[in-house]
């Protein structure tokens, strides 16, 4: 194999072996301006968009044991990869697809798990990481705040009983 092909394969390998997620999409029909717009949007969530040759990607996917990619490698492919939040990247892709009807999602992987097109779409429908963390903290804090409320009620009822006893002694 020629040296330039080896360097391309090595570049793909280095990018996706370090990535938390990789999503393949068919970019056919996407103009240069729209591609740049998508790249700029993805950059904000530590994700990148790069066109790849199927042959080269298949070779790297086989080395990294990404089963399930080969049958989806039809037509031109671009990979969206990164180390950021996969949910945010999927949301950007979903919004971009809603606006432009392109690119078409093919398959993906996240930390070694193969993702189908519907899995990627479900990821895009999840709340953001910050929202999930806020919900989790609220879930943890709810029992504590309920306990505080119950304890305050007990103290308040004790105060009412003492006040009633004091008023009764004053009447006698």
N, C-alpha and C. Protein backbone atom coordinates (compact mmCIF):
# COMPACT_ATOMS: atom_id res chain seq x y z
N UNK A 1 0.85 -1.17 0.00
CA UNK A 1 0.00 0.00 0.00
C UNK A 1 0.89 1.24 0.00
N UNK A 2 0.44 2.24 -0.71
CA UNK A 2 1.23 3.47 -0.82
C UNK A 2 1.29 4.21 0.51
N UNK A 3 2.34 5.00 0.65
CA UNK A 3 2.59 5.71 1.90
C UNK A 3 1.47 6.70 2.22
N UNK A 4 0.93 7.37 1.19
CA UNK A 4 -0.13 8.35 1.45
C UNK A 4 -1.40 7.67 1.94
N UNK A 5 -1.70 6.48 1.43
CA UNK A 5 -2.88 5.75 1.92
C UNK A 5 -2.66 5.30 3.35
N UNK A 6 -1.44 4.87 3.64
CA UNK A 6 -1.13 4.48 5.03
C UNK A 6 -1.29 5.66 5.98
N UNK A 7 -0.87 6.83 5.54
CA UNK A 7 -0.98 8.01 6.41
C UNK A 7 -2.45 8.40 6.60
N UNK A 8 -3.27 8.25 5.56
CA UNK A 8 -4.71 8.55 5.69
C UNK A 8 -5.35 7.57 6.67
N UNK A 9 -5.02 6.30 6.53
CA UNK A 9 -5.56 5.28 7.44
C UNK A 9 -5.12 5.56 8.87
N UNK A 10 -3.87 5.91 9.04
CA UNK A 10 -3.35 6.22 10.37
C UNK A 10 -4.05 7.45 10.97
N UNK A 11 -4.33 8.44 10.13
CA UNK A 11 -5.04 9.63 10.60
C UNK A 11 -6.44 9.27 11.06
N UNK A 12 -7.15 8.47 10.28
CA UNK A 12 -8.50 8.04 10.66
C UNK A 12 -8.44 7.24 11.96
N UNK A 13 -7.49 6.32 12.04
CA UNK A 13 -7.34 5.48 13.23
C UNK A 13 -7.09 6.34 14.47
N UNK A 14 -6.21 7.30 14.36
CA UNK A 14 -5.89 8.14 15.53
C UNK A 14 -7.10 8.98 15.96
N UNK A 15 -7.88 9.44 15.00
CA UNK A 15 -9.03 10.27 15.34
C UNK A 15 -10.14 9.47 16.00
N UNK A 16 -10.44 8.29 15.46
CA UNK A 16 -11.58 7.56 16.02
C UNK A 16 -11.21 6.66 17.19
N UNK A 17 -9.94 6.29 17.32
CA UNK A 17 -9.58 5.46 18.47
C UNK A 17 -9.60 6.28 19.75
N UNK A 18 -9.34 7.58 19.66
CA UNK A 18 -9.37 8.45 20.84
C UNK A 18 -10.75 9.04 21.09
N UNK A 19 -11.66 8.90 20.14
CA UNK A 19 -12.98 9.54 20.24
C UNK A 19 -13.91 8.74 21.15
N UNK A 20 -14.78 9.46 21.85
CA UNK A 20 -15.80 8.83 22.68
C UNK A 20 -16.92 8.28 21.80
N UNK A 21 -17.19 8.99 20.71
CA UNK A 21 -18.26 8.56 19.80
C UNK A 21 -17.85 8.81 18.36
N UNK A 22 -18.44 8.00 17.46
CA UNK A 22 -18.27 8.16 16.02
C UNK A 22 -19.63 7.91 15.40
N UNK A 23 -20.07 8.82 14.55
CA UNK A 23 -21.34 8.67 13.83
C UNK A 23 -21.04 8.81 12.35
N UNK A 24 -21.51 7.86 11.55
CA UNK A 24 -21.34 7.94 10.10
C UNK A 24 -22.62 8.47 9.47
N UNK A 25 -22.43 9.30 8.45
CA UNK A 25 -23.58 9.89 7.76
C UNK A 25 -23.27 9.97 6.27
N UNK A 26 -24.31 9.92 5.47
CA UNK A 26 -24.20 10.12 4.03
C UNK A 26 -24.37 11.61 3.77
N UNK A 27 -23.31 12.24 3.32
CA UNK A 27 -23.32 13.70 3.15
C UNK A 27 -23.70 14.13 1.73
N UNK A 28 -24.06 13.19 0.87
CA UNK A 28 -24.37 13.48 -0.53
C UNK A 28 -25.42 14.60 -0.64
N UNK A 29 -25.11 15.61 -1.43
CA UNK A 29 -26.03 16.73 -1.64
C UNK A 29 -25.78 17.90 -0.70
N UNK A 30 -24.87 17.78 0.22
CA UNK A 30 -24.56 18.85 1.16
C UNK A 30 -23.57 19.81 0.51
N UNK A 31 -23.95 21.07 0.42
CA UNK A 31 -23.07 22.06 -0.20
C UNK A 31 -21.89 22.37 0.71
N UNK A 32 -20.89 23.01 0.16
CA UNK A 32 -19.71 23.37 0.93
C UNK A 32 -20.08 24.34 2.06
N UNK A 33 -20.95 25.29 1.77
CA UNK A 33 -21.36 26.27 2.79
C UNK A 33 -22.09 25.58 3.94
N UNK A 34 -22.99 24.66 3.61
CA UNK A 34 -23.73 23.96 4.65
C UNK A 34 -22.81 23.02 5.44
N UNK A 35 -21.84 22.43 4.76
CA UNK A 35 -20.87 21.58 5.45
C UNK A 35 -20.07 22.40 6.45
N UNK A 36 -19.65 23.58 6.05
CA UNK A 36 -18.91 24.46 6.96
C UNK A 36 -19.78 24.89 8.14
N UNK A 37 -21.06 25.16 7.87
CA UNK A 37 -21.98 25.52 8.93
C UNK A 37 -22.10 24.38 9.94
N UNK A 38 -22.24 23.15 9.46
CA UNK A 38 -22.33 21.99 10.34
C UNK A 38 -21.04 21.81 11.14
N UNK A 39 -19.90 21.97 10.49
CA UNK A 39 -18.62 21.85 11.19
C UNK A 39 -18.51 22.87 12.31
N UNK A 40 -18.92 24.10 12.03
CA UNK A 40 -18.86 25.16 13.05
C UNK A 40 -19.78 24.86 14.23
N UNK A 41 -20.97 24.34 13.95
CA UNK A 41 -21.90 23.99 15.04
C UNK A 41 -21.32 22.88 15.91
N UNK A 42 -20.74 21.87 15.24
CA UNK A 42 -20.20 20.73 15.98
C UNK A 42 -18.98 21.10 16.81
N UNK A 43 -18.20 22.05 16.31
CA UNK A 43 -16.99 22.46 17.03
C UNK A 43 -17.32 22.95 18.44
N UNK A 44 -18.48 23.54 18.60
CA UNK A 44 -18.89 24.06 19.90
C UNK A 44 -19.12 22.99 20.96
N UNK A 45 -19.30 21.74 20.55
CA UNK A 45 -19.52 20.64 21.50
C UNK A 45 -18.39 19.61 21.42
N UNK A 46 -17.22 20.04 21.00
CA UNK A 46 -16.03 19.19 20.89
C UNK A 46 -16.28 17.98 19.98
N UNK A 47 -16.88 18.26 18.82
CA UNK A 47 -17.11 17.23 17.81
C UNK A 47 -16.62 17.75 16.47
N UNK A 48 -16.32 16.83 15.56
CA UNK A 48 -15.76 17.20 14.26
C UNK A 48 -16.45 16.41 13.16
N UNK A 49 -16.45 16.98 11.98
CA UNK A 49 -17.06 16.39 10.79
C UNK A 49 -15.96 16.23 9.75
N UNK A 50 -15.79 15.01 9.24
CA UNK A 50 -14.75 14.77 8.23
C UNK A 50 -15.24 13.73 7.23
N UNK A 51 -15.04 14.03 5.96
CA UNK A 51 -15.37 13.09 4.89
C UNK A 51 -14.30 12.00 4.89
N UNK A 52 -14.73 10.74 4.74
CA UNK A 52 -13.80 9.61 4.71
C UNK A 52 -14.12 8.70 3.53
N UNK A 53 -13.09 8.02 3.05
CA UNK A 53 -13.31 7.01 2.03
C UNK A 53 -13.76 5.72 2.72
N UNK A 54 -14.78 5.09 2.16
CA UNK A 54 -15.34 3.89 2.77
C UNK A 54 -14.30 2.79 2.95
N UNK A 55 -13.47 2.58 1.92
CA UNK A 55 -12.45 1.52 2.00
C UNK A 55 -11.52 1.75 3.19
N UNK A 56 -11.09 2.96 3.34
CA UNK A 56 -10.16 3.28 4.41
C UNK A 56 -10.83 3.15 5.77
N UNK A 57 -12.06 3.65 5.86
CA UNK A 57 -12.78 3.57 7.13
C UNK A 57 -13.07 2.11 7.49
N UNK A 58 -13.44 1.30 6.51
CA UNK A 58 -13.72 -0.11 6.77
C UNK A 58 -12.50 -0.80 7.35
N UNK A 59 -11.35 -0.49 6.81
CA UNK A 59 -10.12 -1.11 7.30
C UNK A 59 -9.88 -0.75 8.77
N UNK A 60 -10.04 0.52 9.09
CA UNK A 60 -9.83 0.96 10.47
C UNK A 60 -10.91 0.39 11.38
N UNK A 61 -12.16 0.37 10.93
CA UNK A 61 -13.26 -0.18 11.73
C UNK A 61 -13.03 -1.65 12.03
N UNK A 62 -12.49 -2.38 11.05
CA UNK A 62 -12.20 -3.79 11.26
C UNK A 62 -11.10 -3.96 12.30
N UNK A 63 -10.07 -3.13 12.23
CA UNK A 63 -8.98 -3.18 13.22
C UNK A 63 -9.47 -2.87 14.62
N UNK A 64 -10.38 -1.90 14.73
CA UNK A 64 -10.91 -1.49 16.03
C UNK A 64 -12.12 -2.33 16.46
N UNK A 65 -12.45 -3.34 15.66
CA UNK A 65 -13.54 -4.28 15.94
C UNK A 65 -14.90 -3.60 16.08
N UNK A 66 -15.18 -2.69 15.15
CA UNK A 66 -16.49 -2.07 15.06
C UNK A 66 -17.35 -2.92 14.14
N UNK A 67 -17.97 -3.93 14.69
CA UNK A 67 -18.83 -4.78 13.86
C UNK A 67 -20.14 -4.04 13.60
N UNK A 68 -20.71 -4.24 12.43
CA UNK A 68 -21.96 -3.60 12.08
C UNK A 68 -21.79 -2.38 11.20
N UNK A 69 -20.56 -1.92 11.01
CA UNK A 69 -20.32 -0.74 10.19
C UNK A 69 -20.27 -1.11 8.71
N UNK A 70 -19.73 -2.27 8.39
CA UNK A 70 -19.46 -2.62 6.99
C UNK A 70 -20.72 -2.63 6.13
N UNK A 71 -21.82 -3.17 6.66
CA UNK A 71 -23.04 -3.23 5.84
C UNK A 71 -23.69 -1.86 5.66
N UNK A 72 -23.34 -0.89 6.49
CA UNK A 72 -23.89 0.45 6.36
C UNK A 72 -23.02 1.38 5.52
N UNK A 73 -21.91 0.90 5.05
CA UNK A 73 -20.96 1.74 4.31
C UNK A 73 -21.28 1.76 2.82
N UNK A 74 -22.44 2.26 2.49
CA UNK A 74 -22.87 2.41 1.09
C UNK A 74 -22.93 3.90 0.77
N UNK A 75 -22.43 4.28 -0.36
CA UNK A 75 -22.45 5.69 -0.75
C UNK A 75 -21.39 6.48 -0.02
N UNK A 76 -21.29 7.76 -0.31
CA UNK A 76 -20.27 8.59 0.32
C UNK A 76 -20.52 8.72 1.82
N UNK A 77 -19.44 8.73 2.58
CA UNK A 77 -19.57 8.76 4.03
C UNK A 77 -18.74 9.89 4.63
N UNK A 78 -19.29 10.42 5.70
CA UNK A 78 -18.58 11.39 6.52
C UNK A 78 -18.73 10.92 7.96
N UNK A 79 -17.71 11.17 8.75
CA UNK A 79 -17.80 10.77 10.15
C UNK A 79 -17.88 12.01 11.03
N UNK A 80 -18.73 11.90 12.03
CA UNK A 80 -18.82 12.91 13.08
C UNK A 80 -18.26 12.21 14.30
N UNK A 81 -17.20 12.77 14.86
CA UNK A 81 -16.53 12.13 15.98
C UNK A 81 -16.12 13.18 16.99
N UNK A 82 -15.89 12.74 18.21
CA UNK A 82 -15.46 13.70 19.21
C UNK A 82 -15.35 13.10 20.60
N UNK A 83 -14.92 13.95 21.51
CA UNK A 83 -14.75 13.56 22.90
C UNK A 83 -15.74 14.28 23.81
N UNK A 84 -16.59 15.09 23.23
CA UNK A 84 -17.56 15.83 24.02
C UNK A 84 -18.80 14.99 24.32
N UNK A 85 -19.89 15.68 24.53
CA UNK A 85 -21.16 15.05 24.87
C UNK A 85 -21.83 14.55 23.60
N UNK A 86 -22.01 13.24 23.50
CA UNK A 86 -22.62 12.64 22.31
C UNK A 86 -24.06 13.12 22.14
N UNK A 87 -24.75 13.40 23.24
CA UNK A 87 -26.14 13.87 23.16
C UNK A 87 -26.19 15.23 22.48
N UNK A 88 -25.28 16.12 22.85
CA UNK A 88 -25.25 17.44 22.24
C UNK A 88 -24.92 17.35 20.75
N UNK A 89 -23.96 16.50 20.39
CA UNK A 89 -23.62 16.32 18.98
C UNK A 89 -24.81 15.75 18.21
N UNK A 90 -25.51 14.77 18.80
CA UNK A 90 -26.68 14.19 18.14
C UNK A 90 -27.79 15.23 17.98
N UNK A 91 -27.95 16.11 18.97
CA UNK A 91 -28.96 17.17 18.86
C UNK A 91 -28.61 18.14 17.74
N UNK A 92 -27.35 18.49 17.62
CA UNK A 92 -26.93 19.39 16.54
C UNK A 92 -27.20 18.73 15.20
N UNK A 93 -26.85 17.45 15.07
CA UNK A 93 -27.13 16.74 13.82
C UNK A 93 -28.63 16.70 13.54
N UNK A 94 -29.42 16.40 14.57
CA UNK A 94 -30.88 16.33 14.39
C UNK A 94 -31.44 17.67 13.93
N UNK A 95 -31.02 18.76 14.58
CA UNK A 95 -31.49 20.09 14.19
C UNK A 95 -31.04 20.45 12.78
N UNK A 96 -29.79 20.11 12.45
CA UNK A 96 -29.28 20.40 11.12
C UNK A 96 -30.04 19.62 10.06
N UNK A 97 -30.33 18.35 10.35
CA UNK A 97 -31.09 17.51 9.42
C UNK A 97 -32.51 18.06 9.26
N UNK A 98 -33.09 18.54 10.35
CA UNK A 98 -34.44 19.11 10.29
C UNK A 98 -34.47 20.34 9.37
N UNK A 99 -33.41 21.15 9.43
CA UNK A 99 -33.33 22.35 8.61
C UNK A 99 -33.00 22.05 7.15
N UNK A 100 -32.12 21.08 6.91
CA UNK A 100 -31.57 20.86 5.57
C UNK A 100 -31.91 19.51 4.94
N UNK A 101 -32.53 18.61 5.71
CA UNK A 101 -32.85 17.26 5.26
C UNK A 101 -31.60 16.46 4.91
N UNK A 102 -30.45 16.92 5.29
CA UNK A 102 -29.18 16.24 5.07
C UNK A 102 -28.29 16.51 6.27
N UNK A 103 -27.33 15.71 6.57
CA UNK A 103 -26.94 14.42 6.01
C UNK A 103 -27.85 13.30 6.53
N UNK A 104 -27.77 12.16 5.89
CA UNK A 104 -28.55 11.00 6.31
C UNK A 104 -27.70 10.16 7.25
N UNK A 105 -28.22 9.91 8.44
CA UNK A 105 -27.48 9.12 9.42
C UNK A 105 -27.42 7.67 8.98
N UNK A 106 -26.29 7.04 9.24
CA UNK A 106 -26.10 5.63 8.88
C UNK A 106 -25.99 4.76 10.13
N UNK A 107 -24.88 4.93 10.86
CA UNK A 107 -24.59 4.08 12.01
C UNK A 107 -23.60 4.84 12.89
N UNK A 108 -23.46 4.42 14.13
CA UNK A 108 -22.50 5.06 15.01
C UNK A 108 -22.00 4.12 16.08
N UNK A 109 -21.09 4.61 16.86
CA UNK A 109 -20.59 3.86 18.01
C UNK A 109 -20.30 4.85 19.13
N UNK A 110 -20.55 4.38 20.35
CA UNK A 110 -20.27 5.21 21.52
C UNK A 110 -19.65 4.30 22.57
N UNK A 111 -18.40 4.53 22.87
CA UNK A 111 -17.66 3.75 23.85
C UNK A 111 -17.77 2.26 23.59
N UNK A 112 -17.63 1.87 22.32
CA UNK A 112 -17.63 0.47 21.94
C UNK A 112 -18.98 -0.14 21.64
N UNK A 113 -20.06 0.59 21.87
CA UNK A 113 -21.41 0.08 21.62
C UNK A 113 -21.87 0.61 20.26
N UNK A 114 -22.35 -0.29 19.39
CA UNK A 114 -22.82 0.10 18.07
C UNK A 114 -24.20 0.74 18.20
N UNK A 115 -24.38 1.87 17.55
CA UNK A 115 -25.63 2.62 17.58
C UNK A 115 -26.29 2.59 16.21
N UNK A 116 -27.55 2.24 16.17
CA UNK A 116 -28.30 2.30 14.91
C UNK A 116 -28.76 3.74 14.68
N UNK A 117 -29.36 3.96 13.55
CA UNK A 117 -29.90 5.30 13.24
C UNK A 117 -30.93 5.72 14.30
N UNK A 118 -31.80 4.79 14.69
CA UNK A 118 -32.83 5.13 15.70
C UNK A 118 -32.20 5.39 17.07
N UNK A 119 -31.11 4.68 17.39
CA UNK A 119 -30.41 4.94 18.65
C UNK A 119 -29.87 6.37 18.68
N UNK A 120 -29.30 6.80 17.58
CA UNK A 120 -28.75 8.16 17.49
C UNK A 120 -29.86 9.19 17.62
N UNK A 121 -31.01 8.92 16.99
CA UNK A 121 -32.15 9.83 17.09
C UNK A 121 -32.69 9.88 18.52
N UNK A 122 -32.66 8.74 19.22
CA UNK A 122 -33.11 8.72 20.62
C UNK A 122 -32.15 9.50 21.50
N UNK A 123 -30.85 9.39 21.22
CA UNK A 123 -29.87 10.18 21.96
C UNK A 123 -30.16 11.67 21.81
N UNK A 124 -30.55 12.06 20.61
CA UNK A 124 -30.83 13.47 20.35
C UNK A 124 -32.06 13.96 21.11
N UNK A 125 -32.94 13.05 21.48
CA UNK A 125 -34.15 13.46 22.19
C UNK A 125 -33.96 13.51 23.71
N UNK A 126 -32.80 13.06 24.20
CA UNK A 126 -32.53 13.11 25.63
C UNK A 126 -32.29 14.55 26.08
N UNK A 127 -32.60 14.83 27.34
CA UNK A 127 -32.26 16.16 27.88
C UNK A 127 -30.73 16.32 27.94
N UNK A 128 -30.28 17.53 28.04
CA UNK A 128 -28.84 17.78 28.10
C UNK A 128 -28.27 17.22 29.40
N UNK A 129 -26.97 17.11 29.45
CA UNK A 129 -26.28 16.58 30.62
C UNK A 129 -26.59 17.43 31.85
N UNK A 130 -26.58 18.74 31.67
CA UNK A 130 -26.84 19.65 32.78
C UNK A 130 -28.26 19.46 33.32
N UNK A 131 -29.22 19.27 32.42
CA UNK A 131 -30.61 19.06 32.83
C UNK A 131 -30.74 17.74 33.59
N UNK A 132 -30.08 16.69 33.09
CA UNK A 132 -30.13 15.39 33.77
C UNK A 132 -29.50 15.48 35.16
N UNK A 133 -28.38 16.19 35.27
CA UNK A 133 -27.74 16.36 36.58
C UNK A 133 -28.65 17.14 37.53
N UNK A 134 -29.31 18.17 37.03
CA UNK A 134 -30.23 18.95 37.86
C UNK A 134 -31.41 18.09 38.33
N UNK A 135 -31.93 17.25 37.44
CA UNK A 135 -33.01 16.35 37.82
C UNK A 135 -32.55 15.35 38.88
N UNK A 136 -31.32 14.86 38.73
CA UNK A 136 -30.77 13.91 39.68
C UNK A 136 -30.60 14.55 41.06
N UNK A 137 -30.07 15.77 41.09
CA UNK A 137 -29.90 16.48 42.36
C UNK A 137 -31.27 16.73 42.99
N UNK A 138 -32.25 17.10 42.20
CA UNK A 138 -33.60 17.29 42.71
C UNK A 138 -34.18 16.02 43.29
N UNK A 139 -33.90 14.91 42.63
CA UNK A 139 -34.37 13.61 43.09
C UNK A 139 -33.72 13.25 44.43
N UNK A 140 -32.43 13.55 44.56
CA UNK A 140 -31.74 13.29 45.82
C UNK A 140 -32.19 14.23 46.93
N UNK A 141 -32.48 15.47 46.59
CA UNK A 141 -32.84 16.48 47.59
C UNK A 141 -34.29 16.34 48.06
N UNK A 142 -35.16 15.75 47.26
CA UNK A 142 -36.58 15.67 47.60
C UNK A 142 -36.83 14.98 48.94
N UNK A 143 -36.28 13.80 49.21
CA UNK A 143 -36.53 13.17 50.52
C UNK A 143 -36.02 14.01 51.69
N UNK A 144 -34.88 14.65 51.50
CA UNK A 144 -34.34 15.49 52.58
C UNK A 144 -35.25 16.68 52.85
N UNK A 145 -35.74 17.32 51.82
CA UNK A 145 -36.62 18.47 52.03
C UNK A 145 -37.95 18.02 52.63
N UNK A 146 -38.43 16.83 52.28
CA UNK A 146 -39.66 16.32 52.89
C UNK A 146 -39.44 16.03 54.37
N UNK A 147 -38.26 15.49 54.71
CA UNK A 147 -37.94 15.22 56.11
C UNK A 147 -37.89 16.52 56.91
N UNK A 148 -37.28 17.53 56.34
CA UNK A 148 -37.23 18.84 57.00
C UNK A 148 -38.65 19.36 57.22
N UNK A 149 -39.50 19.22 56.23
CA UNK A 149 -40.89 19.67 56.37
C UNK A 149 -41.62 18.93 57.48
N UNK A 150 -41.43 17.61 57.57
CA UNK A 150 -42.08 16.81 58.62
C UNK A 150 -41.56 17.23 59.99
N UNK A 151 -40.24 17.41 60.11
CA UNK A 151 -39.68 17.83 61.40
C UNK A 151 -40.18 19.21 61.79
N UNK A 152 -40.31 20.12 60.85
CA UNK A 152 -40.84 21.46 61.16
C UNK A 152 -42.28 21.37 61.63
N UNK A 153 -43.05 20.46 61.03
CA UNK A 153 -44.45 20.29 61.46
C UNK A 153 -44.52 19.79 62.90
N UNK A 154 -43.63 18.85 63.24
CA UNK A 154 -43.62 18.31 64.61
C UNK A 154 -43.24 19.39 65.61
N UNK A 155 -42.24 20.19 65.28
CA UNK A 155 -41.84 21.28 66.17
C UNK A 155 -42.98 22.29 66.29
N UNK A 156 -43.62 22.61 65.17
CA UNK A 156 -44.73 23.57 65.20
C UNK A 156 -45.88 23.03 66.04
N UNK A 157 -46.21 21.76 65.92
CA UNK A 157 -47.32 21.20 66.70
C UNK A 157 -46.96 21.16 68.19
N UNK A 158 -45.69 20.92 68.54
CA UNK A 158 -45.25 20.97 69.93
C UNK A 158 -45.41 22.39 70.48
N UNK A 159 -45.06 23.38 69.69
CA UNK A 159 -45.21 24.78 70.11
C UNK A 159 -46.69 25.09 70.33
N UNK A 160 -47.58 24.61 69.47
CA UNK A 160 -49.03 24.85 69.63
C UNK A 160 -49.54 24.20 70.91
N UNK A 161 -49.07 22.98 71.22
CA UNK A 161 -49.50 22.28 72.43
C UNK A 161 -49.03 23.05 73.67
N UNK A 162 -47.76 23.49 73.66
CA UNK A 162 -47.23 24.25 74.80
C UNK A 162 -47.98 25.57 74.98
N UNK A 163 -48.28 26.23 73.87
CA UNK A 163 -49.01 27.50 73.92
C UNK A 163 -50.41 27.27 74.50
N UNK A 164 -51.07 26.18 74.06
CA UNK A 164 -52.41 25.86 74.56
C UNK A 164 -52.35 25.55 76.06
N UNK A 165 -51.31 24.83 76.48
CA UNK A 165 -51.17 24.50 77.91
C UNK A 165 -50.94 25.76 78.72
N UNK A 166 -50.13 26.67 78.20
CA UNK A 166 -49.86 27.94 78.88
C UNK A 166 -51.16 28.76 79.02
N UNK A 167 -51.95 28.82 77.97
CA UNK A 167 -53.20 29.59 78.00
C UNK A 167 -54.18 28.95 78.99
N UNK A 168 -54.18 27.63 79.10
CA UNK A 168 -55.09 26.95 80.01
C UNK A 168 -54.69 27.24 81.45
N UNK A 169 -53.37 27.27 81.74
CA UNK A 169 -52.89 27.56 83.10
C UNK A 169 -53.21 29.00 83.46
N UNK A 170 -53.12 29.91 82.47
CA UNK A 170 -53.42 31.31 82.74
C UNK A 170 -54.89 31.52 83.04
N UNK A 171 -55.76 30.71 82.52
CA UNK A 171 -57.21 30.80 82.77
C UNK A 171 -57.55 30.27 84.17
N UNK A 172 -56.79 29.38 84.65
CA UNK A 172 -57.10 28.76 85.95
C UNK A 172 -56.65 29.59 87.09
